[in-house]
Amino acid sequence: MKLIYTADGSISAYNDAYNDYYHDRKGALFESIYKHIYPAFHIINKPHIRILDLCFGLGYNSLLTLVFAKRINVQVEIYSVESDLLLLESLYNFPYPKIISNYLDISNIIKAINNDMVFMDYNVKLSVFRGDAIDFLHFLKDCIFDIVYQDAFSPSKNPLLWNKSHFLSLYEILCNQGVITTYSSAQHIRNIAKECGFGVFDMKFNSFKNGSLFTKNINIVDNLDSIEFSLC
């Protein structure tokens, strides 16, 4: 795993197997916050939130969600999956931003998900399953989620997690008021989401490439202070 410094000062990495970066080079931290955590939590306002993080990768989305949950005092239950076991083991020494390391006992969390596949604290639960994401979705077929972070490697690198079958699976496990966030703004991905019944929103944040937000109910999305939404 080759570490990459991004423009916001946070560190990401390059995955040789997929020939792809884990994050936008403009900022791993900002991408996770403003394309996933902030828009999702602005829309979903519940005391107990169930989240699907596809896929765990370097852990930014799941870990920042734990930070956010602590700061706003909500219960979160996160399910994630990762096929690269060597990656999970390498995260003991990963240089996470202070916004994560100052709030969380990173070593304890990484140890728990490596040894037991689950980390639990007084108001949070993070379960990280080892294996194939498609098999994992079949395992979750009876679960219902409020938020899905669709954060797999790019459609050209990992097409099975961006096709119509995949989004139909997500439609089945997303609650009626739930949202899916993703960094992708590719038109063919948005078209697939529409074919599966989702309302599709364009998501903009400063100089970042646009992301997308999918939901079953377009009425739950309103304007945000820092992100501009528009229905596609």
Foldseek 3Di string as FASTA:
>chain_A
DAWAQAQVRWIWGADPVLRFTLDDSNDPLCCLVQQFVPQQCVLDPDQEFEEEEEACQLNNNVLVNVLVCVVVVGAYEYEHEEADLVRLVVSCPHDGDCSRVVRDPSNVQSVCCNPPQWDDDPRYIYGYYHDDPVVVLVVCLVAAGQEYELRDTDCVRCVVCQALVNLLSVVNRYDQSHKYTYQDPDPVSVVSNVVSQWFKKWKDAPPRDIIIMTHNDPVSDDQDPGIGIDTD
